[in-house]
């Protein structure tokens, strides 16, 4: 029997293989029970260009808990602003095997509204 985590990581591997084949910058999202994290990673996969999470002091001051849709929207806006400041506007969305729903979807939509294209 394959565990829930192994199944998610298998889905993530398939997505990352396709993104690396396309040679595009990716917006990677990780969701835990308490927080949400986002990174913009260059096409080689070895350099983080921008990152944001609910652990940052600026974000923690705005939200009560890091596990809410509102917190995910703030993180999405912040990572998009940081990426655009670095000159990155086109990315591929890497949801890390998580379902495109709830916090992951809120982060993606907030990043799109802030100017990232994917």
N, C-alpha and C. Protein backbone atom coordinates (compact mmCIF):
# COMPACT_ATOMS: atom_id res chain seq x y z
N UNK A 1 0.85 -1.19 0.00
CA UNK A 1 0.00 0.00 0.00
C UNK A 1 0.88 1.25 0.00
N UNK A 2 0.64 2.13 -0.91
CA UNK A 2 1.42 3.37 -1.01
C UNK A 2 0.83 4.41 -0.04
N UNK A 3 1.72 5.07 0.70
CA UNK A 3 1.24 6.04 1.69
C UNK A 3 0.79 7.33 1.00
N UNK A 4 0.09 8.14 1.74
CA UNK A 4 -0.42 9.41 1.23
C UNK A 4 0.74 10.32 0.81
N UNK A 5 1.79 10.35 1.64
CA UNK A 5 2.95 11.19 1.34
C UNK A 5 3.69 10.69 0.10
N UNK A 6 3.87 9.38 -0.01
CA UNK A 6 4.55 8.81 -1.18
C UNK A 6 3.77 9.11 -2.46
N UNK A 7 2.46 9.04 -2.40
CA UNK A 7 1.63 9.34 -3.57
C UNK A 7 1.78 10.80 -3.97
N UNK A 8 1.81 11.70 -2.98
CA UNK A 8 1.98 13.13 -3.27
C UNK A 8 3.35 13.39 -3.91
N UNK A 9 4.39 12.76 -3.36
CA UNK A 9 5.73 12.95 -3.90
C UNK A 9 5.87 12.38 -5.30
N UNK A 10 5.15 11.30 -5.60
CA UNK A 10 5.16 10.74 -6.95
C UNK A 10 4.54 11.72 -7.93
N UNK A 11 3.41 12.32 -7.54
CA UNK A 11 2.77 13.33 -8.39
C UNK A 11 3.69 14.52 -8.59
N UNK A 12 4.39 14.93 -7.52
CA UNK A 12 5.30 16.06 -7.59
C UNK A 12 6.45 15.76 -8.56
N UNK A 13 6.97 14.54 -8.54
CA UNK A 13 8.07 14.16 -9.42
C UNK A 13 7.67 14.27 -10.88
N UNK A 14 6.46 13.84 -11.20
CA UNK A 14 5.97 13.90 -12.58
C UNK A 14 5.89 15.36 -13.05
N UNK A 15 5.36 16.23 -12.19
CA UNK A 15 5.24 17.65 -12.54
C UNK A 15 6.61 18.28 -12.73
N UNK A 16 7.53 17.99 -11.81
CA UNK A 16 8.87 18.59 -11.88
C UNK A 16 9.64 18.10 -13.09
N UNK A 17 9.42 16.85 -13.50
CA UNK A 17 10.09 16.33 -14.69
C UNK A 17 9.62 17.11 -15.92
N UNK A 18 8.34 17.38 -16.01
CA UNK A 18 7.80 18.13 -17.14
C UNK A 18 8.32 19.56 -17.14
N UNK A 19 8.35 20.20 -15.96
CA UNK A 19 8.82 21.58 -15.86
C UNK A 19 10.30 21.68 -16.24
N UNK A 20 11.13 20.71 -15.81
CA UNK A 20 12.55 20.75 -16.15
C UNK A 20 12.75 20.50 -17.64
N UNK A 21 11.88 19.70 -18.24
CA UNK A 21 11.92 19.46 -19.68
C UNK A 21 11.64 20.77 -20.44
N UNK A 22 10.73 21.57 -19.91
CA UNK A 22 10.37 22.85 -20.54
C UNK A 22 11.43 23.93 -20.31
N UNK A 23 12.34 23.69 -19.33
CA UNK A 23 13.39 24.66 -18.98
C UNK A 23 12.79 26.01 -18.60
N UNK A 24 11.82 25.99 -17.71
CA UNK A 24 11.21 27.24 -17.27
C UNK A 24 11.41 27.45 -15.77
N UNK A 25 11.29 28.69 -15.37
CA UNK A 25 11.37 29.05 -13.95
C UNK A 25 10.10 28.51 -13.29
N UNK A 26 10.22 27.98 -12.06
CA UNK A 26 9.02 27.42 -11.43
C UNK A 26 8.71 28.09 -10.10
N UNK A 27 7.41 28.19 -9.86
CA UNK A 27 6.90 28.67 -8.57
C UNK A 27 6.50 27.42 -7.80
N UNK A 28 7.30 27.07 -6.81
CA UNK A 28 7.08 25.85 -6.03
C UNK A 28 6.38 26.19 -4.73
N UNK A 29 5.37 25.41 -4.39
CA UNK A 29 4.57 25.65 -3.18
C UNK A 29 4.69 24.44 -2.27
N UNK A 30 4.86 24.68 -0.98
CA UNK A 30 4.79 23.60 0.00
C UNK A 30 3.80 24.01 1.08
N UNK A 31 2.93 23.08 1.43
CA UNK A 31 1.89 23.33 2.42
C UNK A 31 2.08 22.35 3.57
N UNK A 32 2.18 22.90 4.77
CA UNK A 32 2.21 22.04 5.95
C UNK A 32 0.93 22.33 6.75
N UNK A 33 0.76 21.65 7.87
CA UNK A 33 -0.44 21.87 8.67
C UNK A 33 -0.48 23.28 9.27
N UNK A 34 0.70 23.86 9.53
CA UNK A 34 0.75 25.15 10.21
C UNK A 34 1.12 26.32 9.31
N UNK A 35 1.81 26.08 8.19
CA UNK A 35 2.34 27.17 7.37
C UNK A 35 2.24 26.84 5.89
N UNK A 36 2.52 27.85 5.05
CA UNK A 36 2.62 27.65 3.61
C UNK A 36 3.86 28.40 3.14
N UNK A 37 4.58 27.78 2.21
CA UNK A 37 5.84 28.31 1.72
C UNK A 37 5.79 28.37 0.20
N UNK A 38 6.44 29.38 -0.40
CA UNK A 38 6.51 29.49 -1.85
C UNK A 38 7.92 29.93 -2.24
N UNK A 39 8.45 29.33 -3.30
CA UNK A 39 9.76 29.70 -3.81
C UNK A 39 9.70 29.81 -5.33
N UNK A 40 10.42 30.80 -5.87
CA UNK A 40 10.61 30.90 -7.31
C UNK A 40 12.02 30.39 -7.58
N UNK A 41 12.11 29.29 -8.33
CA UNK A 41 13.37 28.60 -8.56
C UNK A 41 13.72 28.71 -10.05
N UNK A 42 15.01 29.02 -10.35
CA UNK A 42 15.42 29.20 -11.74
C UNK A 42 15.34 27.90 -12.53
N UNK A 43 15.53 28.00 -13.85
CA UNK A 43 15.35 26.85 -14.74
C UNK A 43 16.30 25.71 -14.45
N UNK A 44 17.50 26.00 -13.92
CA UNK A 44 18.45 24.92 -13.61
C UNK A 44 18.01 24.15 -12.36
N UNK A 45 17.17 24.75 -11.54
CA UNK A 45 16.67 24.09 -10.34
C UNK A 45 17.59 24.22 -9.15
N UNK A 46 18.64 25.05 -9.27
CA UNK A 46 19.61 25.13 -8.19
C UNK A 46 19.66 26.49 -7.48
N UNK A 47 18.97 27.49 -8.01
CA UNK A 47 19.03 28.83 -7.42
C UNK A 47 17.62 29.30 -7.09
N UNK A 48 17.41 29.70 -5.84
CA UNK A 48 16.13 30.26 -5.43
C UNK A 48 16.18 31.76 -5.70
N UNK A 49 15.30 32.24 -6.57
CA UNK A 49 15.29 33.65 -6.94
C UNK A 49 14.48 34.50 -5.97
N UNK A 50 13.40 33.94 -5.46
CA UNK A 50 12.55 34.67 -4.51
C UNK A 50 11.82 33.64 -3.64
N UNK A 51 11.51 34.04 -2.42
CA UNK A 51 10.76 33.14 -1.55
C UNK A 51 9.90 33.95 -0.59
N UNK A 52 8.86 33.30 -0.10
CA UNK A 52 7.98 33.91 0.90
C UNK A 52 7.31 32.78 1.68
N UNK A 53 7.01 33.05 2.92
CA UNK A 53 6.30 32.05 3.72
C UNK A 53 5.58 32.75 4.87
N UNK A 54 4.76 31.99 5.55
CA UNK A 54 4.04 32.54 6.70
C UNK A 54 4.94 32.64 7.92
N UNK A 55 6.18 32.21 7.82
CA UNK A 55 7.14 32.34 8.92
C UNK A 55 7.82 33.70 8.94
N UNK A 56 7.73 34.45 7.84
CA UNK A 56 8.38 35.76 7.78
C UNK A 56 7.72 36.72 8.77
N UNK A 57 8.52 37.54 9.46
CA UNK A 57 7.96 38.48 10.45
C UNK A 57 6.91 39.43 9.87
N UNK A 58 7.10 39.88 8.62
CA UNK A 58 6.13 40.80 8.00
C UNK A 58 4.78 40.13 7.81
N UNK A 59 4.81 38.85 7.45
CA UNK A 59 3.56 38.10 7.24
C UNK A 59 2.92 37.74 8.58
N UNK A 60 3.75 37.35 9.53
CA UNK A 60 3.22 36.96 10.85
C UNK A 60 2.49 38.11 11.53
N UNK A 61 2.93 39.34 11.24
CA UNK A 61 2.26 40.49 11.82
C UNK A 61 0.88 40.73 11.23
N UNK A 62 0.66 40.23 10.01
CA UNK A 62 -0.62 40.46 9.32
C UNK A 62 -1.65 39.37 9.57
N UNK A 63 -1.19 38.16 9.89
CA UNK A 63 -2.14 37.05 10.06
C UNK A 63 -2.02 36.43 11.45
N UNK A 64 -3.12 35.93 11.92
CA UNK A 64 -3.13 35.29 13.23
C UNK A 64 -2.54 33.89 13.16
N UNK A 65 -2.93 33.14 12.10
CA UNK A 65 -2.43 31.77 11.91
C UNK A 65 -1.92 31.62 10.48
N UNK A 66 -0.89 30.81 10.31
CA UNK A 66 -0.30 30.61 8.99
C UNK A 66 -0.99 29.54 8.16
N UNK A 67 -2.03 28.94 8.69
CA UNK A 67 -2.69 27.84 8.00
C UNK A 67 -4.04 28.24 7.41
N UNK A 68 -4.19 29.51 7.04
CA UNK A 68 -5.46 29.97 6.50
C UNK A 68 -5.33 30.39 5.04
N UNK A 69 -6.46 30.49 4.37
CA UNK A 69 -6.49 30.94 2.98
C UNK A 69 -6.00 32.38 2.89
N UNK A 70 -6.35 33.21 3.88
CA UNK A 70 -5.90 34.60 3.88
C UNK A 70 -4.38 34.69 3.95
N UNK A 71 -3.77 33.85 4.76
CA UNK A 71 -2.31 33.83 4.87
C UNK A 71 -1.69 33.40 3.54
N UNK A 72 -2.30 32.44 2.87
CA UNK A 72 -1.80 31.97 1.57
C UNK A 72 -1.85 33.08 0.53
N UNK A 73 -2.91 33.89 0.57
CA UNK A 73 -3.03 35.02 -0.38
C UNK A 73 -1.91 36.03 -0.16
N UNK A 74 -1.60 36.31 1.09
CA UNK A 74 -0.52 37.26 1.40
C UNK A 74 0.82 36.71 0.91
N UNK A 75 1.07 35.43 1.13
CA UNK A 75 2.32 34.81 0.69
C UNK A 75 2.40 34.83 -0.84
N UNK A 76 1.29 34.56 -1.52
CA UNK A 76 1.26 34.60 -2.99
C UNK A 76 1.60 35.97 -3.53
N UNK A 77 1.02 37.01 -2.93
CA UNK A 77 1.33 38.39 -3.35
C UNK A 77 2.80 38.72 -3.11
N UNK A 78 3.31 38.35 -1.92
CA UNK A 78 4.71 38.66 -1.57
C UNK A 78 5.70 37.97 -2.50
N UNK A 79 5.48 36.71 -2.80
CA UNK A 79 6.43 35.99 -3.66
C UNK A 79 6.38 36.55 -5.08
N UNK A 80 5.19 36.95 -5.55
CA UNK A 80 5.07 37.53 -6.88
C UNK A 80 5.80 38.88 -6.94
N UNK A 81 5.62 39.71 -5.93
CA UNK A 81 6.30 41.01 -5.91
C UNK A 81 7.81 40.85 -5.89
N UNK A 82 8.30 39.88 -5.10
CA UNK A 82 9.75 39.65 -5.03
C UNK A 82 10.29 39.12 -6.36
N UNK A 83 9.54 38.23 -7.01
CA UNK A 83 9.97 37.67 -8.29
C UNK A 83 10.01 38.74 -9.37
N UNK A 84 8.98 39.58 -9.41
CA UNK A 84 8.93 40.65 -10.42
C UNK A 84 10.06 41.64 -10.19
N UNK A 85 10.40 41.90 -8.93
CA UNK A 85 11.53 42.78 -8.62
C UNK A 85 12.84 42.21 -9.13
N UNK A 86 12.94 40.87 -9.20
CA UNK A 86 14.14 40.22 -9.73
C UNK A 86 14.09 40.07 -11.25
N UNK A 87 12.99 40.50 -11.89
CA UNK A 87 12.88 40.43 -13.34
C UNK A 87 12.24 39.16 -13.87
N UNK A 88 11.56 38.42 -13.00
CA UNK A 88 10.90 37.18 -13.43
C UNK A 88 9.40 37.42 -13.45
N UNK A 89 8.79 37.20 -14.63
CA UNK A 89 7.34 37.37 -14.69
C UNK A 89 6.62 36.12 -15.19
N UNK A 90 7.32 35.26 -15.93
CA UNK A 90 6.72 34.02 -16.42
C UNK A 90 7.27 32.83 -15.63
N UNK A 91 6.38 32.06 -15.04
CA UNK A 91 6.78 30.89 -14.25
C UNK A 91 5.88 29.71 -14.58
N UNK A 92 6.32 28.53 -14.20
CA UNK A 92 5.48 27.33 -14.24
C UNK A 92 5.08 27.03 -12.80
N UNK A 93 3.83 26.69 -12.59
CA UNK A 93 3.34 26.46 -11.22
C UNK A 93 3.59 25.02 -10.82
N UNK A 94 4.32 24.83 -9.74
CA UNK A 94 4.62 23.51 -9.19
C UNK A 94 3.89 23.39 -7.86
N UNK A 95 2.79 22.65 -7.85
CA UNK A 95 1.98 22.54 -6.64
C UNK A 95 2.49 21.44 -5.71
N UNK A 96 3.62 20.82 -6.05
CA UNK A 96 4.26 19.79 -5.21
C UNK A 96 3.35 18.61 -4.91
N UNK A 97 2.49 18.26 -5.83
CA UNK A 97 1.61 17.11 -5.64
C UNK A 97 0.38 17.40 -4.82
N UNK A 98 0.26 18.62 -4.28
CA UNK A 98 -0.93 18.98 -3.51
C UNK A 98 -2.08 19.28 -4.46
N UNK A 99 -3.29 19.04 -4.00
CA UNK A 99 -4.48 19.32 -4.80
C UNK A 99 -4.61 20.82 -5.02
N UNK A 100 -4.99 21.23 -6.25
CA UNK A 100 -5.16 22.66 -6.55
C UNK A 100 -6.51 23.09 -5.97
N UNK A 101 -6.48 23.37 -4.68
CA UNK A 101 -7.71 23.66 -3.95
C UNK A 101 -7.32 24.36 -2.65
N UNK A 102 -8.18 25.19 -2.14
CA UNK A 102 -7.94 25.80 -0.83
C UNK A 102 -6.74 26.73 -0.80
N UNK A 103 -5.79 26.45 0.09
CA UNK A 103 -4.64 27.34 0.29
C UNK A 103 -3.73 27.41 -0.93
N UNK A 104 -3.54 26.27 -1.61
CA UNK A 104 -2.68 26.25 -2.80
C UNK A 104 -3.30 27.10 -3.90
N UNK A 105 -4.59 26.96 -4.10
CA UNK A 105 -5.30 27.73 -5.12
C UNK A 105 -5.29 29.22 -4.77
N UNK A 106 -5.49 29.56 -3.51
CA UNK A 106 -5.48 30.97 -3.07
C UNK A 106 -4.12 31.60 -3.32
N UNK A 107 -3.04 30.88 -3.03
CA UNK A 107 -1.70 31.39 -3.28
C UNK A 107 -1.49 31.63 -4.77
N UNK A 108 -1.89 30.68 -5.60
CA UNK A 108 -1.71 30.80 -7.05
C UNK A 108 -2.49 31.99 -7.61
N UNK A 109 -3.74 32.15 -7.18
CA UNK A 109 -4.55 33.26 -7.70
C UNK A 109 -4.01 34.61 -7.23
N UNK A 110 -3.51 34.69 -6.01
CA UNK A 110 -2.94 35.94 -5.52
C UNK A 110 -1.66 36.29 -6.28
N UNK A 111 -0.86 35.28 -6.61
CA UNK A 111 0.37 35.51 -7.39
C UNK A 111 0.02 36.00 -8.80
N UNK A 112 -1.03 35.42 -9.38
CA UNK A 112 -1.47 35.88 -10.71
C UNK A 112 -1.94 37.33 -10.66
N UNK A 113 -2.73 37.67 -9.66
CA UNK A 113 -3.23 39.03 -9.52
C UNK A 113 -2.10 40.03 -9.31
N UNK A 114 -1.01 39.58 -8.66
CA UNK A 114 0.12 40.47 -8.39
C UNK A 114 1.04 40.60 -9.61
N UNK A 115 0.77 39.85 -10.69
CA UNK A 115 1.53 40.06 -11.92
C UNK A 115 2.30 38.88 -12.47
N UNK A 116 2.35 37.75 -11.77
CA UNK A 116 3.04 36.58 -12.33
C UNK A 116 2.16 35.92 -13.38
N UNK A 117 2.78 35.43 -14.45
CA UNK A 117 2.03 34.75 -15.52
C UNK A 117 2.36 33.26 -15.48
N UNK A 118 1.31 32.43 -15.35
CA UNK A 118 1.47 30.97 -15.46
C UNK A 118 0.14 30.33 -15.75
